[in-house]
Amino acid sequence: MSADLVTAWEARGTFVDLAGLRVFYVDTGPADGPTTILLHGFPTSSHDWRLALPHMGPRRLIMPDYAGFGLSAKPVDHAYSLFEQADLVEMLVAHLGLAEVDLVAHDIGTSVACELIARRARGLLGFAVRRLVMMNGSVYLDMAHITLSQKLLLSRVGPIFARVASRRVFERQMRRITAQPLPPEELGAMWALMCREDGRQRLPQLIGYIVERGRFRHRWIGAMRGLRDVPVGVLWGDRDPVAVLAIGERLAAETPSATFERLEGLGHYPQVEDPARSGAAIRAFLDG
């Protein structure tokens, strides 16, 4: 069943070469309403949005996999910087000829979105941002409760842990950070996409984004604090044990153009835990 989900997702998408990297994305195609770019979390992929898509209304939805994630290329000797992930989003938007988009960001995607907003503040972003949604990301790293798996991947034993980590360990970890049970087939698809093309071995490199979050916090948090002309919706699962509720509340309080919505009873993956409610909340904000 999980393999069928992965095969079906790949069949819905397209591969494009961006800066020498083979990048996968799903594009629902032209529709009434604005175009929305959906940015996924760590260590999963664009597939996270699959169940929520029908609840987001008649809009064009584009979901890329970052380098090193999902169905995109996972080269061995690579930096996997958040700056490059933001580059790839910019290049994909340019490739598709889009002048203006909405952004919806979850988990690591919130840092990619912050970098895009920082470029916008400097007049360097190649497209206009109409609206921005931020969901359950550790924007304020000092407030986050990173998991044991993340700590191990960040340590010297990271490569060893990545090699020996099993599907059972992964599923146990996902159950710890979600408040509602995830369908077994979704967990299986997450694992399969993470392992694709030796992706599990890239986790110690990919986890470096946490270090970048700390190092470049002033650039990214400063950009959000200065954002006044783009409406920001902060949608937060209130039972997230990692990107805790207080992070979402602080982000909304410190972003001048932000509104806050608490997604009660949901954890770190709201769009997978309750796709209908999360998708409807995203739609309501993007529709204004």
C-alpha atoms as a PDB file:
ATOM      1  CA  MET A   1       0.000   0.000   0.000  1.00  0.00           C
ATOM      2  CA  SER A   2       2.758   2.460   0.947  1.00  0.00           C
ATOM      3  CA  ALA A   3       4.689   1.587  -2.213  1.00  0.00           C
ATOM      4  CA  ASP A   4       1.548   2.270  -4.240  1.00  0.00           C
ATOM      5  CA  LEU A   5       1.235   5.706  -2.633  1.00  0.00           C
ATOM      6  CA  VAL A   6       4.826   6.557  -3.547  1.00  0.00           C
ATOM      7  CA  THR A   7       4.368   5.324  -7.110  1.00  0.00           C
ATOM      8  CA  ALA A   8       1.156   7.307  -7.496  1.00  0.00           C
ATOM      9  CA  TRP A   9       2.767  10.466  -6.087  1.00  0.00           C
ATOM     10  CA  GLU A  10       5.714  10.160  -8.448  1.00  0.00           C
ATOM     11  CA  ALA A  11       3.301   9.721 -11.368  1.00  0.00           C
ATOM     12  CA  ARG A  12       1.580  13.005 -10.441  1.00  0.00           C
ATOM     13  CA  GLY A  13       4.827  14.940 -10.491  1.00  0.00           C
ATOM     14  CA  THR A  14       7.587  16.217 -12.720  1.00  0.00           C
ATOM     15  CA  PHE A  15      11.378  16.273 -12.560  1.00  0.00           C
ATOM     16  CA  VAL A  16      13.321  19.366 -13.535  1.00  0.00           C
ATOM     17  CA  ASP A  17      17.044  20.113 -13.549  1.00  0.00           C
ATOM     18  CA  LEU A  18      17.827  23.103 -11.329  1.00  0.00           C
ATOM     19  CA  ALA A  19      21.471  24.097 -10.907  1.00  0.00           C
ATOM     20  CA  GLY A  20      22.557  20.579 -11.768  1.00  0.00           C
ATOM     21  CA  LEU A  21      20.158  18.915  -9.325  1.00  0.00           C
ATOM     22  CA  ARG A  22      17.203  16.760 -10.334  1.00  0.00           C
ATOM     23  CA  VAL A  23      14.297  18.261  -8.411  1.00  0.00           C
ATOM     24  CA  PHE A  24      10.862  16.666  -8.115  1.00  0.00           C
ATOM     25  CA  TYR A  25       7.657  18.641  -7.738  1.00  0.00           C
ATOM     26  CA  VAL A  26       3.916  18.142  -8.033  1.00  0.00           C
ATOM     27  CA  ASP A  27       1.875  20.850  -9.753  1.00  0.00           C
ATOM     28  CA  THR A  28      -1.908  20.568  -9.642  1.00  0.00           C
ATOM     29  CA  GLY A  29      -2.100  22.844 -12.675  1.00  0.00           C
ATOM     30  CA  PRO A  30      -3.917  26.052 -13.565  1.00  0.00           C
ATOM     31  CA  ALA A  31      -7.031  26.828 -11.540  1.00  0.00           C
ATOM     32  CA  ASP A  32      -9.101  29.766 -10.422  1.00  0.00           C
ATOM     33  CA  GLY A  33      -7.346  31.660  -7.689  1.00  0.00           C
ATOM     34  CA  PRO A  34      -3.698  32.353  -6.845  1.00  0.00           C
ATOM     35  CA  THR A  35      -0.793  29.933  -7.065  1.00  0.00           C
ATOM     36  CA  THR A  36       0.484  28.475  -3.793  1.00  0.00           C
ATOM     37  CA  ILE A  37       3.903  26.929  -3.069  1.00  0.00           C
ATOM     38  CA  LEU A  38       3.778  24.363  -0.251  1.00  0.00           C
ATOM     39  CA  LEU A  39       7.068  23.779   1.599  1.00  0.00           C
ATOM     40  CA  HIS A  40       7.425  20.492   3.490  1.00  0.00           C
ATOM     41  CA  GLY A  41       9.184  19.432   6.697  1.00  0.00           C
ATOM     42  CA  PHE A  42      12.139  17.339   7.862  1.00  0.00           C
ATOM     43  CA  PRO A  43      12.808  14.486   7.207  1.00  0.00           C
ATOM     44  CA  THR A  44       9.794  13.948   4.997  1.00  0.00           C
ATOM     45  CA  SER A  45       8.694  15.336   1.620  1.00  0.00           C
ATOM     46  CA  SER A  46       6.055  17.009  -0.516  1.00  0.00           C
ATOM     47  CA  HIS A  47       3.921  13.891  -0.027  1.00  0.00           C
ATOM     48  CA  ASP A  48       2.999  15.301   3.412  1.00  0.00           C
ATOM     49  CA  TRP A  49       0.525  17.633   1.698  1.00  0.00           C
ATOM     50  CA  ARG A  50      -1.276  14.938  -0.297  1.00  0.00           C
ATOM     51  CA  LEU A  51      -4.279  14.396   1.971  1.00  0.00           C
ATOM     52  CA  ALA A  52      -4.847  18.116   2.582  1.00  0.00           C
ATOM     53  CA  LEU A  53      -4.926  19.120  -1.098  1.00  0.00           C
ATOM     54  CA  PRO A  54      -8.679  18.572  -1.648  1.00  0.00           C
ATOM     55  CA  HIS A  55      -9.440  20.917   1.252  1.00  0.00           C
ATOM     56  CA  MET A  56      -7.456  23.921   0.010  1.00  0.00           C
ATOM     57  CA  GLY A  57      -9.901  25.112  -2.612  1.00  0.00           C
ATOM     58  CA  PRO A  58      -9.628  25.932  -6.311  1.00  0.00           C
ATOM     59  CA  ARG A  59      -6.055  27.126  -6.490  1.00  0.00           C
ATOM     60  CA  ARG A  60      -2.911  25.974  -8.219  1.00  0.00           C
ATOM     61  CA  LEU A  61      -0.788  24.088  -5.686  1.00  0.00           C
ATOM     62  CA  ILE A  62       2.913  23.390  -6.262  1.00  0.00           C
ATOM     63  CA  MET A  63       4.857  21.093  -3.929  1.00  0.00           C
ATOM     64  CA  PRO A  64       8.613  20.628  -4.442  1.00  0.00           C
ATOM     65  CA  ASP A  65      10.938  18.192  -2.697  1.00  0.00           C
ATOM     66  CA  TYR A  66      14.074  19.946  -1.468  1.00  0.00           C
ATOM     67  CA  ALA A  67      17.456  18.596  -2.485  1.00  0.00           C
ATOM     68  CA  GLY A  68      18.125  15.490  -0.410  1.00  0.00           C
ATOM     69  CA  PHE A  69      14.451  14.849   0.321  1.00  0.00           C
ATOM     70  CA  GLY A  70      11.704  12.694  -1.141  1.00  0.00           C
ATOM     71  CA  LEU A  71      12.105  12.057  -4.855  1.00  0.00           C
ATOM     72  CA  SER A  72      14.651  14.802  -5.517  1.00  0.00           C
ATOM     73  CA  ALA A  73      18.372  14.125  -6.038  1.00  0.00           C
ATOM     74  CA  LYS A  74      20.396  13.114  -2.990  1.00  0.00           C
ATOM     75  CA  PRO A  75      24.077  13.499  -3.951  1.00  0.00           C
ATOM     76  CA  VAL A  76      26.663  12.172  -1.516  1.00  0.00           C
ATOM     77  CA  ASP A  77      29.036  15.135  -1.333  1.00  0.00           C
ATOM     78  CA  HIS A  78      26.689  18.047  -0.837  1.00  0.00           C
ATOM     79  CA  ALA A  79      26.143  20.835   1.695  1.00  0.00           C
ATOM     80  CA  TYR A  80      22.315  20.793   1.792  1.00  0.00           C
ATOM     81  CA  SER A  81      22.105  24.352   3.084  1.00  0.00           C
ATOM     82  CA  LEU A  82      18.835  26.149   3.764  1.00  0.00           C
ATOM     83  CA  PHE A  83      20.143  28.881   1.475  1.00  0.00           C
ATOM     84  CA  GLU A  84      20.365  26.403  -1.391  1.00  0.00           C
ATOM     85  CA  GLN A  85      16.892  25.065  -0.657  1.00  0.00           C
ATOM     86  CA  ALA A  86      15.621  28.648  -0.939  1.00  0.00           C
ATOM     87  CA  ASP A  87      17.584  28.994  -4.204  1.00  0.00           C
ATOM     88  CA  LEU A  88      15.806  25.924  -5.593  1.00  0.00           C
ATOM     89  CA  VAL A  89      12.394  27.362  -4.686  1.00  0.00           C
ATOM     90  CA  GLU A  90      13.309  30.584  -6.470  1.00  0.00           C
ATOM     91  CA  MET A  91      14.561  28.701  -9.524  1.00  0.00           C
ATOM     92  CA  LEU A  92      11.425  26.562  -9.663  1.00  0.00           C
ATOM     93  CA  VAL A  93       9.190  29.645  -9.488  1.00  0.00           C
ATOM     94  CA  ALA A  94      11.220  31.212 -12.316  1.00  0.00           C
ATOM     95  CA  HIS A  95      11.090  27.974 -14.326  1.00  0.00           C
ATOM     96  CA  LEU A  96       7.298  27.995 -14.056  1.00  0.00           C
ATOM     97  CA  GLY A  97       7.091  31.667 -15.010  1.00  0.00           C
ATOM     98  CA  LEU A  98       5.288  32.755 -11.855  1.00  0.00           C
ATOM     99  CA  ALA A  99       5.298  36.410 -10.843  1.00  0.00           C
ATOM    100  CA  GLU A 100       3.421  36.127  -7.539  1.00  0.00           C
ATOM    101  CA  VAL A 101       2.709  33.249  -5.166  1.00  0.00           C
ATOM    102  CA  ASP A 102       1.363  32.407  -1.749  1.00  0.00           C
ATOM    103  CA  LEU A 103       3.751  30.455   0.490  1.00  0.00           C
ATOM    104  CA  VAL A 104       2.708  27.752   2.967  1.00  0.00           C
ATOM    105  CA  ALA A 105       5.579  26.453   5.101  1.00  0.00           C
ATOM    106  CA  HIS A 106       5.854  23.646   7.638  1.00  0.00           C
ATOM    107  CA  ASP A 107       8.751  22.688   9.947  1.00  0.00           C
ATOM    108  CA  ILE A 108      12.078  23.165   8.070  1.00  0.00           C
ATOM    109  CA  GLY A 109       9.984  24.922   5.421  1.00  0.00           C
ATOM    110  CA  THR A 110       9.457  27.829   7.822  1.00  0.00           C
ATOM    111  CA  SER A 111      13.214  28.502   7.715  1.00  0.00           C
ATOM    112  CA  VAL A 112      13.223  28.304   3.910  1.00  0.00           C
ATOM    113  CA  ALA A 113      10.324  30.785   3.926  1.00  0.00           C
ATOM    114  CA  CYS A 114      12.183  33.081   6.347  1.00  0.00           C
ATOM    115  CA  GLU A 115      15.169  33.148   3.987  1.00  0.00           C
ATOM    116  CA  LEU A 116      12.874  34.029   1.070  1.00  0.00           C
ATOM    117  CA  ILE A 117      11.358  36.843   3.149  1.00  0.00           C
ATOM    118  CA  ALA A 118      14.861  38.046   4.082  1.00  0.00           C
ATOM    119  CA  ARG A 119      15.719  38.249   0.377  1.00  0.00           C
ATOM    120  CA  ARG A 120      12.476  40.121  -0.258  1.00  0.00           C
ATOM    121  CA  ALA A 121      13.395  42.656   2.436  1.00  0.00           C
ATOM    122  CA  ARG A 122      16.668  43.268   0.582  1.00  0.00           C
ATOM    123  CA  GLY A 123      15.008  43.575  -2.819  1.00  0.00           C
ATOM    124  CA  LEU A 124      16.596  40.307  -3.976  1.00  0.00           C
ATOM    125  CA  LEU A 125      13.591  37.985  -4.298  1.00  0.00           C
ATOM    126  CA  GLY A 126      12.617  37.141  -7.864  1.00  0.00           C
ATOM    127  CA  PHE A 127       8.870  36.949  -7.227  1.00  0.00           C
ATOM    128  CA  ALA A 128       6.170  38.642  -5.165  1.00  0.00           C
ATOM    129  CA  VAL A 129       4.715  37.021  -2.047  1.00  0.00           C
ATOM    130  CA  ARG A 130       0.994  37.663  -1.643  1.00  0.00           C
ATOM    131  CA  ARG A 131       0.367  35.761   1.606  1.00  0.00           C
ATOM    132  CA  LEU A 132       2.412  33.529   3.916  1.00  0.00           C
ATOM    133  CA  VAL A 133       1.357  30.664   6.189  1.00  0.00           C
ATOM    134  CA  MET A 134       3.769  29.364   8.849  1.00  0.00           C
ATOM    135  CA  MET A 135       3.112  26.006  10.548  1.00  0.00           C
ATOM    136  CA  ASN A 136       4.907  24.242  13.408  1.00  0.00           C
ATOM    137  CA  GLY A 137       8.518  25.149  12.765  1.00  0.00           C
ATOM    138  CA  SER A 138      11.252  25.808  15.332  1.00  0.00           C
ATOM    139  CA  VAL A 139      11.774  29.399  14.227  1.00  0.00           C
ATOM    140  CA  TYR A 140      13.086  30.258  17.706  1.00  0.00           C
ATOM    141  CA  LEU A 141      15.585  27.449  18.129  1.00  0.00           C
ATOM    142  CA  ASP A 142      16.246  28.283  21.783  1.00  0.00           C
ATOM    143  CA  MET A 143      12.603  27.452  22.573  1.00  0.00           C
ATOM    144  CA  ALA A 144      12.463  24.196  20.604  1.00  0.00           C
ATOM    145  CA  HIS A 145      12.624  20.724  22.126  1.00  0.00           C
ATOM    146  CA  ILE A 146      14.575  18.844  19.494  1.00  0.00           C
ATOM    147  CA  THR A 147      14.191  15.086  19.521  1.00  0.00           C
ATOM    148  CA  LEU A 148      16.683  12.461  20.602  1.00  0.00           C
ATOM    149  CA  SER A 149      16.997  11.310  16.986  1.00  0.00           C
ATOM    150  CA  GLN A 150      17.888  14.842  15.908  1.00  0.00           C
ATOM    151  CA  LYS A 151      20.465  15.126  18.683  1.00  0.00           C
ATOM    152  CA  LEU A 152      22.047  11.835  17.627  1.00  0.00           C
ATOM    153  CA  LEU A 153      22.137  12.884  13.957  1.00  0.00           C
ATOM    154  CA  LEU A 154      23.840  16.143  14.967  1.00  0.00           C
ATOM    155  CA  SER A 155      26.488  14.293  16.987  1.00  0.00           C
ATOM    156  CA  ARG A 156      29.605  12.402  15.913  1.00  0.00           C
ATOM    157  CA  VAL A 157      27.602   9.173  15.883  1.00  0.00           C
ATOM    158  CA  GLY A 158      25.159  10.630  13.350  1.00  0.00           C
ATOM    159  CA  PRO A 159      26.341   8.539  10.366  1.00  0.00           C
ATOM    160  CA  ILE A 160      26.215   5.350  12.449  1.00  0.00           C
ATOM    161  CA  PHE A 161      22.736   6.142  13.786  1.00  0.00           C
ATOM    162  CA  ALA A 162      21.495   6.879  10.256  1.00  0.00           C
ATOM    163  CA  ARG A 163      22.732   3.486   9.052  1.00  0.00           C
ATOM    164  CA  VAL A 164      21.189   1.450  11.864  1.00  0.00           C
ATOM    165  CA  ALA A 165      17.922   3.369  12.303  1.00  0.00           C
ATOM    166  CA  SER A 166      15.017   1.151  11.297  1.00  0.00           C
ATOM    167  CA  ARG A 167      11.500   1.780  10.098  1.00  0.00           C
ATOM    168  CA  ARG A 168      10.294   0.827  13.573  1.00  0.00           C
ATOM    169  CA  VAL A 169      12.497   3.541  15.135  1.00  0.00           C
ATOM    170  CA  PHE A 170      11.228   6.077  12.596  1.00  0.00           C
ATOM    171  CA  GLU A 171       7.570   5.239  13.194  1.00  0.00           C
ATOM    172  CA  ARG A 172       8.045   5.357  16.969  1.00  0.00           C
ATOM    173  CA  GLN A 173       9.599   8.810  16.620  1.00  0.00           C
ATOM    174  CA  MET A 174       6.748  10.053  14.431  1.00  0.00           C
ATOM    175  CA  ARG A 175       4.190   8.821  16.963  1.00  0.00           C
ATOM    176  CA  ARG A 176       5.981  10.757  19.697  1.00  0.00           C
ATOM    177  CA  ILE A 177       5.761  14.074  17.864  1.00  0.00           C
ATOM    178  CA  THR A 178       2.169  13.752  16.593  1.00  0.00           C
ATOM    179  CA  ALA A 179      -0.952  14.036  18.711  1.00  0.00           C
ATOM    180  CA  GLN A 180      -3.293  12.133  16.392  1.00  0.00           C
ATOM    181  CA  PRO A 181      -2.471   8.706  14.934  1.00  0.00           C
ATOM    182  CA  LEU A 182      -1.084   8.786  11.413  1.00  0.00           C
ATOM    183  CA  PRO A 183      -2.422   6.228   8.937  1.00  0.00           C
ATOM    184  CA  PRO A 184       0.026   3.292   8.683  1.00  0.00           C
ATOM    185  CA  GLU A 185       0.221   3.693   4.905  1.00  0.00           C
ATOM    186  CA  GLU A 186       1.256   7.348   5.337  1.00  0.00           C
ATOM    187  CA  LEU A 187       4.004   6.397   7.763  1.00  0.00           C
ATOM    188  CA  GLY A 188       5.160   3.738   5.319  1.00  0.00           C
ATOM    189  CA  ALA A 189       5.247   6.248   2.461  1.00  0.00           C
ATOM    190  CA  MET A 190       7.221   8.715   4.599  1.00  0.00           C
ATOM    191  CA  TRP A 191       9.804   6.034   5.367  1.00  0.00           C
ATOM    192  CA  ALA A 192      10.028   4.851   1.751  1.00  0.00           C
ATOM    193  CA  LEU A 193      10.514   8.377   0.419  1.00  0.00           C
ATOM    194  CA  MET A 194      13.124   9.156   3.065  1.00  0.00           C
ATOM    195  CA  CYS A 195      15.081   6.007   2.152  1.00  0.00           C
ATOM    196  CA  ARG A 196      14.834   6.536  -1.603  1.00  0.00           C
ATOM    197  CA  GLU A 197      18.268   6.737  -3.283  1.00  0.00           C
ATOM    198  CA  ASP A 198      20.103   6.127   0.015  1.00  0.00           C
ATOM    199  CA  GLY A 199      18.354   9.128   1.518  1.00  0.00           C
ATOM    200  CA  ARG A 200      18.634   7.753   5.042  1.00  0.00           C
ATOM    201  CA  GLN A 201      22.432   8.094   4.742  1.00  0.00           C
ATOM    202  CA  ARG A 202      22.026  11.809   3.952  1.00  0.00           C
ATOM    203  CA  LEU A 203      20.266  12.594   7.238  1.00  0.00           C
ATOM    204  CA  PRO A 204      23.451  13.686   9.087  1.00  0.00           C
ATOM    205  CA  GLN A 205      24.051  16.213   6.294  1.00  0.00           C
ATOM    206  CA  LEU A 206      20.424  17.331   6.089  1.00  0.00           C
ATOM    207  CA  ILE A 207      20.165  17.899   9.849  1.00  0.00           C
ATOM    208  CA  GLY A 208      22.691  20.714   9.492  1.00  0.00           C
ATOM    209  CA  TYR A 209      19.731  23.018   8.946  1.00  0.00           C
ATOM    210  CA  ILE A 210      19.332  23.133  12.739  1.00  0.00           C
ATOM    211  CA  VAL A 211      22.812  24.640  13.084  1.00  0.00           C
ATOM    212  CA  GLU A 212      21.940  27.196  10.383  1.00  0.00           C
ATOM    213  CA  ARG A 213      18.748  28.106  12.225  1.00  0.00           C
ATOM    214  CA  GLY A 214      20.850  29.161  15.167  1.00  0.00           C
ATOM    215  CA  ARG A 215      23.613  30.835  13.193  1.00  0.00           C
ATOM    216  CA  PHE A 216      21.340  32.928  10.968  1.00  0.00           C
ATOM    217  CA  ARG A 217      18.554  33.583  13.463  1.00  0.00           C
ATOM    218  CA  HIS A 218      19.022  37.353  13.373  1.00  0.00           C
ATOM    219  CA  ARG A 219      18.704  37.431   9.578  1.00  0.00           C
ATOM    220  CA  TRP A 220      15.564  35.301   9.538  1.00  0.00           C
ATOM    221  CA  ILE A 221      13.787  36.442  12.678  1.00  0.00           C
ATOM    222  CA  GLY A 222      14.693  40.022  11.804  1.00  0.00           C
ATOM    223  CA  ALA A 223      13.041  39.635   8.406  1.00  0.00           C
ATOM    224  CA  MET A 224       9.822  38.416  10.020  1.00  0.00           C
ATOM    225  CA  ARG A 225       9.865  41.222  12.585  1.00  0.00           C
ATOM    226  CA  GLY A 226      10.073  43.714   9.741  1.00  0.00           C
ATOM    227  CA  LEU A 227       7.285  42.173   7.656  1.00  0.00           C
ATOM    228  CA  ARG A 228       4.344  44.555   7.519  1.00  0.00           C
ATOM    229  CA  ASP A 229       2.902  44.405   4.004  1.00  0.00           C
ATOM    230  CA  VAL A 230       2.411  40.637   3.560  1.00  0.00           C
ATOM    231  CA  PRO A 231      -0.364  39.024   5.636  1.00  0.00           C
ATOM    232  CA  VAL A 232       1.029  36.123   7.676  1.00  0.00           C
ATOM    233  CA  GLY A 233      -1.099  33.323   9.082  1.00  0.00           C
ATOM    234  CA  VAL A 234       0.501  31.389  11.941  1.00  0.00           C
ATOM    235  CA  LEU A 235      -1.318  28.032  12.168  1.00  0.00           C
ATOM    236  CA  TRP A 236      -0.044  25.816  14.982  1.00  0.00           C
ATOM    237  CA  GLY A 237      -0.785  22.356  16.291  1.00  0.00           C
ATOM    238  CA  ASP A 238      -1.008  23.055  20.010  1.00  0.00           C
ATOM    239  CA  ARG A 239       0.241  19.635  21.132  1.00  0.00           C
ATOM    240  CA  ASP A 240       3.518  19.752  19.261  1.00  0.00           C
ATOM    241  CA  PRO A 241       6.279  18.577  21.630  1.00  0.00           C
ATOM    242  CA  VAL A 242       9.068  19.874  19.342  1.00  0.00           C
ATOM    243  CA  ALA A 243       8.052  23.239  17.879  1.00  0.00           C
ATOM    244  CA  VAL A 244       6.017  23.986  20.982  1.00  0.00           C
ATOM    245  CA  LEU A 245       2.946  26.223  20.992  1.00  0.00           C
ATOM    246  CA  ALA A 246       4.877  29.092  22.596  1.00  0.00           C
ATOM    247  CA  ILE A 247       7.012  29.351  19.440  1.00  0.00           C
ATOM    248  CA  GLY A 248       3.944  29.926  17.277  1.00  0.00           C
ATOM    249  CA  GLU A 249       2.523  32.436  19.752  1.00  0.00           C
ATOM    250  CA  ARG A 250       5.800  34.366  19.842  1.00  0.00           C
ATOM    251  CA  LEU A 251       6.140  34.318  16.054  1.00  0.00           C
ATOM    252  CA  ALA A 252       2.644  35.770  15.691  1.00  0.00           C
ATOM    253  CA  ALA A 253       3.270  38.379  18.382  1.00  0.00           C
ATOM    254  CA  GLU A 254       6.569  39.556  16.850  1.00  0.00           C
ATOM    255  CA  THR A 255       5.448  39.600  13.196  1.00  0.00           C
ATOM    256  CA  PRO A 256       3.524  42.853  12.624  1.00  0.00           C
ATOM    257  CA  SER A 257       1.249  41.478   9.901  1.00  0.00           C
ATOM    258  CA  ALA A 258       0.488  38.127  11.562  1.00  0.00           C
ATOM    259  CA  THR A 259      -2.652  36.498  12.870  1.00  0.00           C
ATOM    260  CA  PHE A 260      -2.600  33.359  15.006  1.00  0.00           C
ATOM    261  CA  GLU A 261      -4.774  30.254  14.865  1.00  0.00           C
ATOM    262  CA  ARG A 262      -4.400  27.400  17.310  1.00  0.00           C
ATOM    263  CA  LEU A 263      -5.088  23.959  15.862  1.00  0.00           C
ATOM    264  CA  GLU A 264      -6.333  22.222  18.976  1.00  0.00           C
ATOM    265  CA  GLY A 265      -5.414  18.617  19.566  1.00  0.00           C
ATOM    266  CA  LEU A 266      -2.855  18.434  16.752  1.00  0.00           C
ATOM    267  CA  GLY A 267       0.875  17.863  16.997  1.00  0.00           C
ATOM    268  CA  HIS A 268       3.870  18.475  14.773  1.00  0.00           C
ATOM    269  CA  TYR A 269       2.263  17.342  11.486  1.00  0.00           C
ATOM    270  CA  PRO A 270      -1.183  19.022  11.397  1.00  0.00           C
ATOM    271  CA  GLN A 271      -1.648  18.519   7.643  1.00  0.00           C
ATOM    272  CA  VAL A 272      -1.247  14.746   8.014  1.00  0.00           C
ATOM    273  CA  GLU A 273      -2.927  14.345  11.412  1.00  0.00           C
ATOM    274  CA  ASP A 274      -6.108  16.174  10.353  1.00  0.00           C
ATOM    275  CA  PRO A 275      -5.911  17.035   6.631  1.00  0.00           C
ATOM    276  CA  ALA A 276      -9.460  18.372   6.403  1.00  0.00           C
ATOM    277  CA  ARG A 277      -9.160  20.815   9.312  1.00  0.00           C
ATOM    278  CA  SER A 278      -5.632  21.902   8.422  1.00  0.00           C
ATOM    279  CA  GLY A 279      -6.424  22.295   4.728  1.00  0.00           C
ATOM    280  CA  ALA A 280      -9.547  24.307   5.535  1.00  0.00           C
ATOM    281  CA  ALA A 281      -7.584  26.587   7.870  1.00  0.00           C
ATOM    282  CA  ILE A 282      -4.959  27.191   5.195  1.00  0.00           C
ATOM    283  CA  ARG A 283      -7.658  27.900   2.622  1.00  0.00           C
ATOM    284  CA  ALA A 284      -9.510  30.296   4.922  1.00  0.00           C
ATOM    285  CA  PHE A 285      -6.387  32.365   5.491  1.00  0.00           C
ATOM    286  CA  LEU A 286      -5.264  32.385   1.847  1.00  0.00           C
ATOM    287  CA  ASP A 287      -8.761  33.365   0.752  1.00  0.00           C
ATOM    288  CA  GLY A 288      -8.568  36.304   3.135  1.00  0.00           C
END
